[in-house]
Amino acid sequence: MLMNYEEVKQIYIQVTDRSDRYDVKGKTMPYTSANGHMFSQLNKDAQLGIRLSKEDGEQFKKEYDADVFKSYGAVMKGYVLIPESMLSDIELLSSFMDKAHEYVMSLEPK
């Protein structure tokens, strides 16, 4: 069953509310960023993508049969698409959001 935009947005907010290190920004295109780098985004197609290191991203794609994340038709480099089946596991999703945050904090600030 495909979730609609508002359902996925509420899950996204629920996940980000679990951390005091980041918040959802953006009114029309929700995203998170830290250290000058965006690390998660909800696209207009109600798909959630997170940015991981190359190694973590490849492992995530294999382990969860995930694809690359696209926004407005463009592949977002370094992002993986969160499978809809994972959206019901707030704990697991939160752990990957934290991993994405840790990754961008390791990058040179913009």
PDB file of N, CA and C in Angstrom:
ATOM      1  N   MET A   1       0.841  -1.184   0.000  1.00  0.00           N
ATOM      2  CA  MET A   1       0.000   0.000   0.000  1.00  0.00           C
ATOM      3  C   MET A   1       0.891   1.254   0.000  1.00  0.00           C
ATOM      4  N   LEU A   2       0.703   2.078  -0.969  1.00  0.00           N
ATOM      5  CA  LEU A   2       1.501   3.290  -1.067  1.00  0.00           C
ATOM      6  C   LEU A   2       0.985   4.352  -0.108  1.00  0.00           C
ATOM      7  N   MET A   3       1.919   4.963   0.611  1.00  0.00           N
ATOM      8  CA  MET A   3       1.568   6.031   1.537  1.00  0.00           C
ATOM      9  C   MET A   3       1.493   7.348   0.776  1.00  0.00           C
ATOM     10  N   ASN A   4       0.630   8.229   1.252  1.00  0.00           N
ATOM     11  CA  ASN A   4       0.558   9.534   0.613  1.00  0.00           C
ATOM     12  C   ASN A   4       1.574  10.489   1.242  1.00  0.00           C
ATOM     13  N   TYR A   5       1.706  11.644   0.641  1.00  0.00           N
ATOM     14  CA  TYR A   5       2.713  12.623   1.046  1.00  0.00           C
ATOM     15  C   TYR A   5       2.589  12.992   2.522  1.00  0.00           C
ATOM     16  N   GLU A   6       1.394  13.288   2.974  1.00  0.00           N
ATOM     17  CA  GLU A   6       1.199  13.723   4.369  1.00  0.00           C
ATOM     18  C   GLU A   6       1.546  12.609   5.360  1.00  0.00           C
ATOM     19  N   GLU A   7       1.243  11.365   5.022  1.00  0.00           N
ATOM     20  CA  GLU A   7       1.595  10.247   5.900  1.00  0.00           C
ATOM     21  C   GLU A   7       3.113  10.119   6.038  1.00  0.00           C
ATOM     22  N   VAL A   8       3.819  10.196   4.921  1.00  0.00           N
ATOM     23  CA  VAL A   8       5.275  10.082   4.961  1.00  0.00           C
ATOM     24  C   VAL A   8       5.874  11.293   5.675  1.00  0.00           C
ATOM     25  N   LYS A   9       5.313  12.466   5.444  1.00  0.00           N
ATOM     26  CA  LYS A   9       5.801  13.678   6.115  1.00  0.00           C
ATOM     27  C   LYS A   9       5.665  13.552   7.631  1.00  0.00           C
ATOM     28  N   GLN A  10       4.562  13.018   8.101  1.00  0.00           N
ATOM     29  CA  GLN A  10       4.368  12.842   9.544  1.00  0.00           C
ATOM     30  C   GLN A  10       5.380  11.855  10.127  1.00  0.00           C
ATOM     31  N   ILE A  11       5.675  10.802   9.407  1.00  0.00           N
ATOM     32  CA  ILE A  11       6.701   9.843   9.853  1.00  0.00           C
ATOM     33  C   ILE A  11       8.053  10.538   9.899  1.00  0.00           C
ATOM     34  N   TYR A  12       8.371  11.293   8.874  1.00  0.00           N
ATOM     35  CA  TYR A  12       9.629  12.038   8.789  1.00  0.00           C
ATOM     36  C   TYR A  12       9.777  12.974   9.992  1.00  0.00           C
ATOM     37  N   ILE A  13       8.734  13.696  10.310  1.00  0.00           N
ATOM     38  CA  ILE A  13       8.760  14.606  11.465  1.00  0.00           C
ATOM     39  C   ILE A  13       8.898  13.820  12.760  1.00  0.00           C
ATOM     40  N   GLN A  14       8.196  12.710  12.864  1.00  0.00           N
ATOM     41  CA  GLN A  14       8.286  11.862  14.061  1.00  0.00           C
ATOM     42  C   GLN A  14       9.727  11.372  14.264  1.00  0.00           C
ATOM     43  N   VAL A  15      10.380  10.980  13.183  1.00  0.00           N
ATOM     44  CA  VAL A  15      11.758  10.495  13.266  1.00  0.00           C
ATOM     45  C   VAL A  15      12.700  11.625  13.676  1.00  0.00           C
ATOM     46  N   THR A  16      12.570  12.775  13.045  1.00  0.00           N
ATOM     47  CA  THR A  16      13.477  13.881  13.357  1.00  0.00           C
ATOM     48  C   THR A  16      13.226  14.436  14.755  1.00  0.00           C
ATOM     49  N   ASP A  17      12.009  14.340  15.242  1.00  0.00           N
ATOM     50  CA  ASP A  17      11.706  14.795  16.608  1.00  0.00           C
ATOM     51  C   ASP A  17      12.422  13.959  17.664  1.00  0.00           C
ATOM     52  N   ARG A  18      12.892  12.786  17.301  1.00  0.00           N
ATOM     53  CA  ARG A  18      13.595  11.919  18.250  1.00  0.00           C
ATOM     54  C   ARG A  18      15.019  12.391  18.533  1.00  0.00           C
ATOM     55  N   SER A  19      15.512  13.315  17.710  1.00  0.00           N
ATOM     56  CA  SER A  19      16.881  13.800  17.879  1.00  0.00           C
ATOM     57  C   SER A  19      16.874  15.285  18.214  1.00  0.00           C
ATOM     58  N   ASP A  20      17.785  15.691  19.078  1.00  0.00           N
ATOM     59  CA  ASP A  20      17.912  17.120  19.351  1.00  0.00           C
ATOM     60  C   ASP A  20      19.055  17.732  18.542  1.00  0.00           C
ATOM     61  N   ARG A  21      19.613  16.955  17.613  1.00  0.00           N
ATOM     62  CA  ARG A  21      20.733  17.432  16.795  1.00  0.00           C
ATOM     63  C   ARG A  21      20.305  18.001  15.452  1.00  0.00           C
ATOM     64  N   TYR A  22      19.065  17.751  15.032  1.00  0.00           N
ATOM     65  CA  TYR A  22      18.594  18.255  13.744  1.00  0.00           C
ATOM     66  C   TYR A  22      17.068  18.357  13.747  1.00  0.00           C
ATOM     67  N   ASP A  23      16.582  19.208  12.848  1.00  0.00           N
ATOM     68  CA  ASP A  23      15.148  19.440  12.679  1.00  0.00           C
ATOM     69  C   ASP A  23      14.810  19.452  11.196  1.00  0.00           C
ATOM     70  N   VAL A  24      13.547  19.221  10.892  1.00  0.00           N
ATOM     71  CA  VAL A  24      13.077  19.348   9.517  1.00  0.00           C
ATOM     72  C   VAL A  24      12.976  20.828   9.186  1.00  0.00           C
ATOM     73  N   LYS A  25      13.521  21.197   8.034  1.00  0.00           N
ATOM     74  CA  LYS A  25      13.451  22.565   7.528  1.00  0.00           C
ATOM     75  C   LYS A  25      12.698  22.534   6.211  1.00  0.00           C
ATOM     76  N   GLY A  26      12.364  23.692   5.700  1.00  0.00           N
ATOM     77  CA  GLY A  26      11.716  23.789   4.395  1.00  0.00           C
ATOM     78  C   GLY A  26      10.226  23.579   4.466  1.00  0.00           C
ATOM     79  N   LYS A  27       9.481  24.495   3.885  1.00  0.00           N
ATOM     80  CA  LYS A  27       8.019  24.400   3.903  1.00  0.00           C
ATOM     81  C   LYS A  27       7.482  23.565   2.751  1.00  0.00           C
ATOM     82  N   THR A  28       8.008  23.781   1.549  1.00  0.00           N
ATOM     83  CA  THR A  28       7.472  23.060   0.393  1.00  0.00           C
ATOM     84  C   THR A  28       8.241  21.780   0.093  1.00  0.00           C
ATOM     85  N   MET A  29       9.500  21.718   0.490  1.00  0.00           N
ATOM     86  CA  MET A  29      10.305  20.518   0.290  1.00  0.00           C
ATOM     87  C   MET A  29      11.060  20.239   1.591  1.00  0.00           C
ATOM     88  N   PRO A  30      10.475  19.446   2.486  1.00  0.00           N
ATOM     89  CA  PRO A  30      11.108  19.179   3.785  1.00  0.00           C
ATOM     90  C   PRO A  30      12.473  18.509   3.633  1.00  0.00           C
ATOM     91  N   TYR A  31      13.421  18.955   4.456  1.00  0.00           N
ATOM     92  CA  TYR A  31      14.774  18.397   4.422  1.00  0.00           C
ATOM     93  C   TYR A  31      15.439  18.605   5.772  1.00  0.00           C
ATOM     94  N   THR A  32      16.554  17.925   5.974  1.00  0.00           N
ATOM     95  CA  THR A  32      17.409  18.169   7.134  1.00  0.00           C
ATOM     96  C   THR A  32      18.793  18.502   6.610  1.00  0.00           C
ATOM     97  N   SER A  33      19.498  19.329   7.373  1.00  0.00           N
ATOM     98  CA  SER A  33      20.875  19.649   7.003  1.00  0.00           C
ATOM     99  C   SER A  33      21.679  19.909   8.262  1.00  0.00           C
ATOM    100  N   ALA A  34      22.981  19.744   8.108  1.00  0.00           N
ATOM    101  CA  ALA A  34      23.926  20.025   9.197  1.00  0.00           C
ATOM    102  C   ALA A  34      25.278  20.288   8.560  1.00  0.00           C
ATOM    103  N   ASN A  35      26.055  21.142   9.173  1.00  0.00           N
ATOM    104  CA  ASN A  35      27.407  21.408   8.703  1.00  0.00           C
ATOM    105  C   ASN A  35      27.396  21.963   7.270  1.00  0.00           C
ATOM    106  N   GLY A  36      26.249  22.538   6.865  1.00  0.00           N
ATOM    107  CA  GLY A  36      26.122  23.080   5.519  1.00  0.00           C
ATOM    108  C   GLY A  36      25.764  22.058   4.454  1.00  0.00           C
ATOM    109  N   HIS A  37      25.460  20.816   4.853  1.00  0.00           N
ATOM    110  CA  HIS A  37      25.135  19.738   3.916  1.00  0.00           C
ATOM    111  C   HIS A  37      23.747  19.185   4.216  1.00  0.00           C
ATOM    112  N   MET A  38      22.940  19.049   3.177  1.00  0.00           N
ATOM    113  CA  MET A  38      21.647  18.402   3.330  1.00  0.00           C
ATOM    114  C   MET A  38      21.890  16.895   3.495  1.00  0.00           C
ATOM    115  N   PHE A  39      21.124  16.242   4.388  1.00  0.00           N
ATOM    116  CA  PHE A  39      21.330  14.794   4.552  1.00  0.00           C
ATOM    117  C   PHE A  39      20.050  13.975   4.520  1.00  0.00           C
ATOM    118  N   SER A  40      18.916  14.606   4.373  1.00  0.00           N
ATOM    119  CA  SER A  40      17.682  13.871   4.116  1.00  0.00           C
ATOM    120  C   SER A  40      16.710  14.810   3.431  1.00  0.00           C
ATOM    121  N   GLN A  41      15.779  14.205   2.703  1.00  0.00           N
ATOM    122  CA  GLN A  41      14.821  15.013   1.958  1.00  0.00           C
ATOM    123  C   GLN A  41      13.576  14.193   1.683  1.00  0.00           C
ATOM    124  N   LEU A  42      12.434  14.859   1.712  1.00  0.00           N
ATOM    125  CA  LEU A  42      11.163  14.263   1.303  1.00  0.00           C
ATOM    126  C   LEU A  42      10.798  14.889  -0.034  1.00  0.00           C
ATOM    127  N   ASN A  43      10.710  14.073  -1.085  1.00  0.00           N
ATOM    128  CA  ASN A  43      10.407  14.635  -2.403  1.00  0.00           C
ATOM    129  C   ASN A  43       8.900  14.736  -2.637  1.00  0.00           C
ATOM    130  N   LYS A  44       8.526  15.347  -3.751  1.00  0.00           N
ATOM    131  CA  LYS A  44       7.112  15.577  -4.056  1.00  0.00           C
ATOM    132  C   LYS A  44       6.345  14.288  -4.315  1.00  0.00           C
ATOM    133  N   ASP A  45       7.075  13.179  -4.550  1.00  0.00           N
ATOM    134  CA  ASP A  45       6.446  11.885  -4.783  1.00  0.00           C
ATOM    135  C   ASP A  45       6.268  11.073  -3.499  1.00  0.00           C
ATOM    136  N   ALA A  46       6.407  11.735  -2.348  1.00  0.00           N
ATOM    137  CA  ALA A  46       6.250  11.101  -1.032  1.00  0.00           C
ATOM    138  C   ALA A  46       7.305  10.029  -0.789  1.00  0.00           C
ATOM    139  N   GLN A  47       8.503  10.285  -1.298  1.00  0.00           N
ATOM    140  CA  GLN A  47       9.625   9.368  -1.083  1.00  0.00           C
ATOM    141  C   GLN A  47      10.655  10.068  -0.205  1.00  0.00           C
ATOM    142  N   LEU A  48      11.196   9.304   0.723  1.00  0.00           N
ATOM    143  CA  LEU A  48      12.190   9.830   1.640  1.00  0.00           C
ATOM    144  C   LEU A  48      13.558   9.303   1.238  1.00  0.00           C
ATOM    145  N   GLY A  49      14.527  10.213   1.159  1.00  0.00           N
ATOM    146  CA  GLY A  49      15.896   9.828   0.839  1.00  0.00           C
ATOM    147  C   GLY A  49      16.838  10.317   1.915  1.00  0.00           C
ATOM    148  N   ILE A  50      17.876   9.535   2.190  1.00  0.00           N
ATOM    149  CA  ILE A  50      18.900   9.956   3.141  1.00  0.00           C
ATOM    150  C   ILE A  50      20.273   9.809   2.495  1.00  0.00           C
ATOM    151  N   ARG A  51      21.183  10.649   2.954  1.00  0.00           N
ATOM    152  CA  ARG A  51      22.540  10.668   2.415  1.00  0.00           C
ATOM    153  C   ARG A  51      23.459   9.882   3.342  1.00  0.00           C
ATOM    154  N   LEU A  52      24.131   8.910   2.782  1.00  0.00           N
ATOM    155  CA  LEU A  52      25.054   8.079   3.542  1.00  0.00           C
ATOM    156  C   LEU A  52      26.415   8.087   2.861  1.00  0.00           C
ATOM    157  N   SER A  53      27.437   7.651   3.578  1.00  0.00           N
ATOM    158  CA  SER A  53      28.749   7.478   2.950  1.00  0.00           C
ATOM    159  C   SER A  53      28.602   6.466   1.826  1.00  0.00           C
ATOM    160  N   LYS A  54      29.555   6.461   0.913  1.00  0.00           N
ATOM    161  CA  LYS A  54      29.490   5.536  -0.217  1.00  0.00           C
ATOM    162  C   LYS A  54      29.371   4.087   0.266  1.00  0.00           C
ATOM    163  N   GLU A  55      30.198   3.714   1.242  1.00  0.00           N
ATOM    164  CA  GLU A  55      30.185   2.341   1.752  1.00  0.00           C
ATOM    165  C   GLU A  55      28.848   2.016   2.422  1.00  0.00           C
ATOM    166  N   ASP A  56      28.387   2.911   3.288  1.00  0.00           N
ATOM    167  CA  ASP A  56      27.114   2.667   3.974  1.00  0.00           C
ATOM    168  C   ASP A  56      25.953   2.644   2.988  1.00  0.00           C
ATOM    169  N   GLY A  57      26.012   3.515   1.983  1.00  0.00           N
ATOM    170  CA  GLY A  57      24.960   3.554   0.976  1.00  0.00           C
ATOM    171  C   GLY A  57      24.879   2.267   0.177  1.00  0.00           C
ATOM    172  N   GLU A  58      26.038   1.743  -0.224  1.00  0.00           N
ATOM    173  CA  GLU A  58      26.058   0.485  -0.977  1.00  0.00           C
ATOM    174  C   GLU A  58      25.528  -0.665  -0.122  1.00  0.00           C
ATOM    175  N   GLN A  59      25.940  -0.700   1.137  1.00  0.00           N
ATOM    176  CA  GLN A  59      25.463  -1.751   2.041  1.00  0.00           C
ATOM    177  C   GLN A  59      23.953  -1.626   2.255  1.00  0.00           C
ATOM    178  N   PHE A  60      23.479  -0.404   2.432  1.00  0.00           N
ATOM    179  CA  PHE A  60      22.045  -0.162   2.625  1.00  0.00           C
ATOM    180  C   PHE A  60      21.254  -0.657   1.417  1.00  0.00           C
ATOM    181  N   LYS A  61      21.720  -0.327   0.211  1.00  0.00           N
ATOM    182  CA  LYS A  61      21.011  -0.739  -1.009  1.00  0.00           C
ATOM    183  C   LYS A  61      20.920  -2.252  -1.106  1.00  0.00           C
ATOM    184  N   LYS A  62      22.000  -2.945  -0.758  1.00  0.00           N
ATOM    185  CA  LYS A  62      22.001  -4.416  -0.814  1.00  0.00           C
ATOM    186  C   LYS A  62      21.095  -5.002   0.263  1.00  0.00           C
ATOM    187  N   GLU A  63      21.277  -4.525   1.485  1.00  0.00           N
ATOM    188  CA  GLU A  63      20.556  -5.104   2.619  1.00  0.00           C
ATOM    189  C   GLU A  63      19.050  -4.866   2.560  1.00  0.00           C
ATOM    190  N   TYR A  64      18.643  -3.706   2.064  1.00  0.00           N
ATOM    191  CA  TYR A  64      17.216  -3.352   2.070  1.00  0.00           C
ATOM    192  C   TYR A  64      16.615  -3.308   0.668  1.00  0.00           C
ATOM    193  N   ASP A  65      17.358  -3.811  -0.320  1.00  0.00           N
ATOM    194  CA  ASP A  65      16.903  -3.810  -1.704  1.00  0.00           C
ATOM    195  C   ASP A  65      16.404  -2.415  -2.096  1.00  0.00           C
ATOM    196  N   ALA A  66      17.206  -1.423  -1.747  1.00  0.00           N
ATOM    197  CA  ALA A  66      16.839  -0.028  -1.968  1.00  0.00           C
ATOM    198  C   ALA A  66      17.447   0.486  -3.263  1.00  0.00           C
ATOM    199  N   ASP A  67      16.920   1.569  -3.725  1.00  0.00           N
ATOM    200  CA  ASP A  67      17.354   2.190  -4.971  1.00  0.00           C
ATOM    201  C   ASP A  67      17.979   3.547  -4.673  1.00  0.00           C
ATOM    202  N   VAL A  68      18.439   4.207  -5.716  1.00  0.00           N
ATOM    203  CA  VAL A  68      18.924   5.578  -5.556  1.00  0.00           C
ATOM    204  C   VAL A  68      17.714   6.476  -5.318  1.00  0.00           C
ATOM    205  N   PHE A  69      17.944   7.624  -4.742  1.00  0.00           N
ATOM    206  CA  PHE A  69      16.880   8.575  -4.456  1.00  0.00           C
ATOM    207  C   PHE A  69      16.876   9.649  -5.529  1.00  0.00           C
ATOM    208  N   LYS A  70      15.686   9.968  -6.021  1.00  0.00           N
ATOM    209  CA  LYS A  70      15.532  11.018  -7.025  1.00  0.00           C
ATOM    210  C   LYS A  70      14.635  12.124  -6.484  1.00  0.00           C
ATOM    211  N   SER A  71      14.968  13.331  -6.850  1.00  0.00           N
ATOM    212  CA  SER A  71      14.142  14.477  -6.512  1.00  0.00           C
ATOM    213  C   SER A  71      13.972  15.302  -7.773  1.00  0.00           C
ATOM    214  N   TYR A  72      12.737  15.562  -8.128  1.00  0.00           N
ATOM    215  CA  TYR A  72      12.417  16.284  -9.362  1.00  0.00           C
ATOM    216  C   TYR A  72      13.100  15.632 -10.572  1.00  0.00           C
ATOM    217  N   GLY A  73      13.139  14.304 -10.579  1.00  0.00           N
ATOM    218  CA  GLY A  73      13.669  13.546 -11.699  1.00  0.00           C
ATOM    219  C   GLY A  73      15.182  13.394 -11.725  1.00  0.00           C
ATOM    220  N   ALA A  74      15.877  14.083 -10.838  1.00  0.00           N
ATOM    221  CA  ALA A  74      17.339  14.008 -10.817  1.00  0.00           C
ATOM    222  C   ALA A  74      17.806  13.075  -9.709  1.00  0.00           C
ATOM    223  N   VAL A  75      18.793  12.235 -10.030  1.00  0.00           N
ATOM    224  CA  VAL A  75      19.376  11.349  -9.024  1.00  0.00           C
ATOM    225  C   VAL A  75      20.165  12.214  -8.042  1.00  0.00           C
ATOM    226  N   MET A  76      19.889  12.042  -6.762  1.00  0.00           N
ATOM    227  CA  MET A  76      20.594  12.780  -5.710  1.00  0.00           C
ATOM    228  C   MET A  76      21.826  11.970  -5.327  1.00  0.00           C
ATOM    229  N   LYS A  77      22.986  12.485  -5.688  1.00  0.00           N
ATOM    230  CA  LYS A  77      24.246  11.779  -5.458  1.00  0.00           C
ATOM    231  C   LYS A  77      24.456  11.516  -3.962  1.00  0.00           C
ATOM    232  N   GLY A  78      24.767  10.273  -3.638  1.00  0.00           N
ATOM    233  CA  GLY A  78      25.040   9.891  -2.259  1.00  0.00           C
ATOM    234  C   GLY A  78      23.807   9.541  -1.445  1.00  0.00           C
ATOM    235  N   TYR A  79      22.633   9.668  -2.048  1.00  0.00           N
ATOM    236  CA  TYR A  79      21.383   9.385  -1.339  1.00  0.00           C
ATOM    237  C   TYR A  79      20.853   8.002  -1.686  1.00  0.00           C
ATOM    238  N   VAL A  80      20.159   7.413  -0.720  1.00  0.00           N
ATOM    239  CA  VAL A  80      19.441   6.163  -0.952  1.00  0.00           C
ATOM    240  C   VAL A  80      17.964   6.406  -0.678  1.00  0.00           C
ATOM    241  N   LEU A  81      17.138   5.684  -1.390  1.00  0.00           N
ATOM    242  CA  LEU A  81      15.697   5.757  -1.210  1.00  0.00           C
ATOM    243  C   LEU A  81      15.300   4.853  -0.048  1.00  0.00           C
ATOM    244  N   ILE A  82      14.593   5.398   0.909  1.00  0.00           N
ATOM    245  CA  ILE A  82      14.100   4.591   2.028  1.00  0.00           C
ATOM    246  C   ILE A  82      12.917   3.765   1.526  1.00  0.00           C
ATOM    247  N   PRO A  83      13.023   2.448   1.585  1.00  0.00           N
ATOM    248  CA  PRO A  83      11.894   1.620   1.145  1.00  0.00           C
ATOM    249  C   PRO A  83      10.663   1.882   2.008  1.00  0.00           C
ATOM    250  N   GLU A  84       9.512   1.863   1.395  1.00  0.00           N
ATOM    251  CA  GLU A  84       8.281   2.134   2.134  1.00  0.00           C
ATOM    252  C   GLU A  84       8.116   1.175   3.310  1.00  0.00           C
ATOM    253  N   SER A  85       8.574  -0.048   3.169  1.00  0.00           N
ATOM    254  CA  SER A  85       8.453  -1.024   4.253  1.00  0.00           C
ATOM    255  C   SER A  85       9.210  -0.574   5.505  1.00  0.00           C
ATOM    256  N   MET A  86      10.248   0.239   5.335  1.00  0.00           N
ATOM    257  CA  MET A  86      11.032   0.704   6.478  1.00  0.00           C
ATOM    258  C   MET A  86      10.346   1.868   7.211  1.00  0.00           C
ATOM    259  N   LEU A  87       9.413   2.531   6.555  1.00  0.00           N
ATOM    260  CA  LEU A  87       8.773   3.700   7.156  1.00  0.00           C
ATOM    261  C   LEU A  87       7.981   3.351   8.420  1.00  0.00           C
ATOM    262  N   SER A  88       7.605   2.105   8.566  1.00  0.00           N
ATOM    263  CA  SER A  88       6.853   1.704   9.756  1.00  0.00           C
ATOM    264  C   SER A  88       7.764   1.380  10.938  1.00  0.00           C
ATOM    265  N   ASP A  89       9.072   1.345  10.705  1.00  0.00           N
ATOM    266  CA  ASP A  89      10.029   1.034  11.771  1.00  0.00           C
ATOM    267  C   ASP A  89      10.770   2.310  12.171  1.00  0.00           C
ATOM    268  N   ILE A  90      10.154   3.073  13.046  1.00  0.00           N
ATOM    269  CA  ILE A  90      10.681   4.382  13.458  1.00  0.00           C
ATOM    270  C   ILE A  90      12.068   4.241  14.074  1.00  0.00           C
ATOM    271  N   GLU A  91      12.270   3.213  14.862  1.00  0.00           N
ATOM    272  CA  GLU A  91      13.562   2.994  15.520  1.00  0.00           C
ATOM    273  C   GLU A  91      14.676   2.788  14.492  1.00  0.00           C
ATOM    274  N   LEU A  92      14.435   1.923  13.524  1.00  0.00           N
ATOM    275  CA  LEU A  92      15.427   1.645  12.486  1.00  0.00           C
ATOM    276  C   LEU A  92      15.675   2.881  11.631  1.00  0.00           C
ATOM    277  N   LEU A  93      14.609   3.538  11.238  1.00  0.00           N
ATOM    278  CA  LEU A  93      14.733   4.742  10.423  1.00  0.00           C
ATOM    279  C   LEU A  93      15.508   5.824  11.178  1.00  0.00           C
ATOM    280  N   SER A  94      15.250   5.956  12.456  1.00  0.00           N
ATOM    281  CA  SER A  94      15.970   6.936  13.284  1.00  0.00           C
ATOM    282  C   SER A  94      17.461   6.626  13.323  1.00  0.00           C
ATOM    283  N   SER A  95      17.798   5.347  13.383  1.00  0.00           N
ATOM    284  CA  SER A  95      19.216   4.980  13.435  1.00  0.00           C
ATOM    285  C   SER A  95      19.915   5.365  12.131  1.00  0.00           C
ATOM    286  N   PHE A  96      19.237   5.225  10.998  1.00  0.00           N
ATOM    287  CA  PHE A  96      19.844   5.631   9.729  1.00  0.00           C
ATOM    288  C   PHE A  96      19.891   7.153   9.588  1.00  0.00           C
ATOM    289  N   MET A  97      18.918   7.847  10.117  1.00  0.00           N
ATOM    290  CA  MET A  97      18.974   9.318  10.102  1.00  0.00           C
ATOM    291  C   MET A  97      20.172   9.784  10.920  1.00  0.00           C
ATOM    292  N   ASP A  98      20.398   9.150  12.061  1.00  0.00           N
ATOM    293  CA  ASP A  98      21.558   9.512  12.878  1.00  0.00           C
ATOM    294  C   ASP A  98      22.857   9.224  12.129  1.00  0.00           C
ATOM    295  N   LYS A  99      22.887   8.103  11.422  1.00  0.00           N
ATOM    296  CA  LYS A  99      24.083   7.749  10.646  1.00  0.00           C
ATOM    297  C   LYS A  99      24.309   8.774   9.529  1.00  0.00           C
ATOM    298  N   ALA A 100      23.241   9.226   8.894  1.00  0.00           N
ATOM    299  CA  ALA A 100      23.344  10.248   7.846  1.00  0.00           C
ATOM    300  C   ALA A 100      23.862  11.559   8.436  1.00  0.00           C
ATOM    301  N   HIS A 101      23.368  11.913   9.613  1.00  0.00           N
ATOM    302  CA  HIS A 101      23.826  13.129  10.289  1.00  0.00           C
ATOM    303  C   HIS A 101      25.310  13.026  10.617  1.00  0.00           C
ATOM    304  N   GLU A 102      25.709  11.907  11.163  1.00  0.00           N
ATOM    305  CA  GLU A 102      27.126  11.700  11.503  1.00  0.00           C
ATOM    306  C   GLU A 102      28.001  11.807  10.254  1.00  0.00           C
ATOM    307  N   TYR A 103      27.506  11.279   9.132  1.00  0.00           N
ATOM    308  CA  TYR A 103      28.281  11.344   7.896  1.00  0.00           C
ATOM    309  C   TYR A 103      28.512  12.796   7.463  1.00  0.00           C
ATOM    310  N   VAL A 104      27.458  13.609   7.408  1.00  0.00           N
ATOM    311  CA  VAL A 104      27.659  14.988   6.934  1.00  0.00           C
ATOM    312  C   VAL A 104      28.485  15.811   7.940  1.00  0.00           C
ATOM    313  N   MET A 105      28.433  15.432   9.197  1.00  0.00           N
ATOM    314  CA  MET A 105      29.259  16.136  10.183  1.00  0.00           C
ATOM    315  C   MET A 105      30.737  15.812   9.992  1.00  0.00           C
ATOM    316  N   SER A 106      31.033  14.711   9.292  1.00  0.00           N
ATOM    317  CA  SER A 106      32.423  14.344   9.028  1.00  0.00           C
ATOM    318  C   SER A 106      32.972  15.057   7.789  1.00  0.00           C
ATOM    319  N   LEU A 107      32.107  15.695   7.024  1.00  0.00           N
ATOM    320  CA  LEU A 107      32.524  16.393   5.808  1.00  0.00           C
ATOM    321  C   LEU A 107      33.002  17.806   6.134  1.00  0.00           C
ATOM    322  N   GLU A 108      33.773  18.394   5.206  1.00  0.00           N
ATOM    323  CA  GLU A 108      34.186  19.781   5.347  1.00  0.00           C
ATOM    324  C   GLU A 108      32.940  20.657   5.411  1.00  0.00           C
ATOM    325  N   PRO A 109      32.871  21.574   6.358  1.00  0.00           N
ATOM    326  CA  PRO A 109      31.701  22.469   6.415  1.00  0.00           C
ATOM    327  C   PRO A 109      31.590  23.310   5.136  1.00  0.00           C
ATOM    328  N   LYS A 110      30.388  23.595   4.741  1.00  0.00           N
ATOM    329  CA  LYS A 110      30.149  24.476   3.575  1.00  0.00           C
ATOM    330  C   LYS A 110      29.952  25.889   4.058  1.00  0.00           C
TER     331      LYS A 110
END
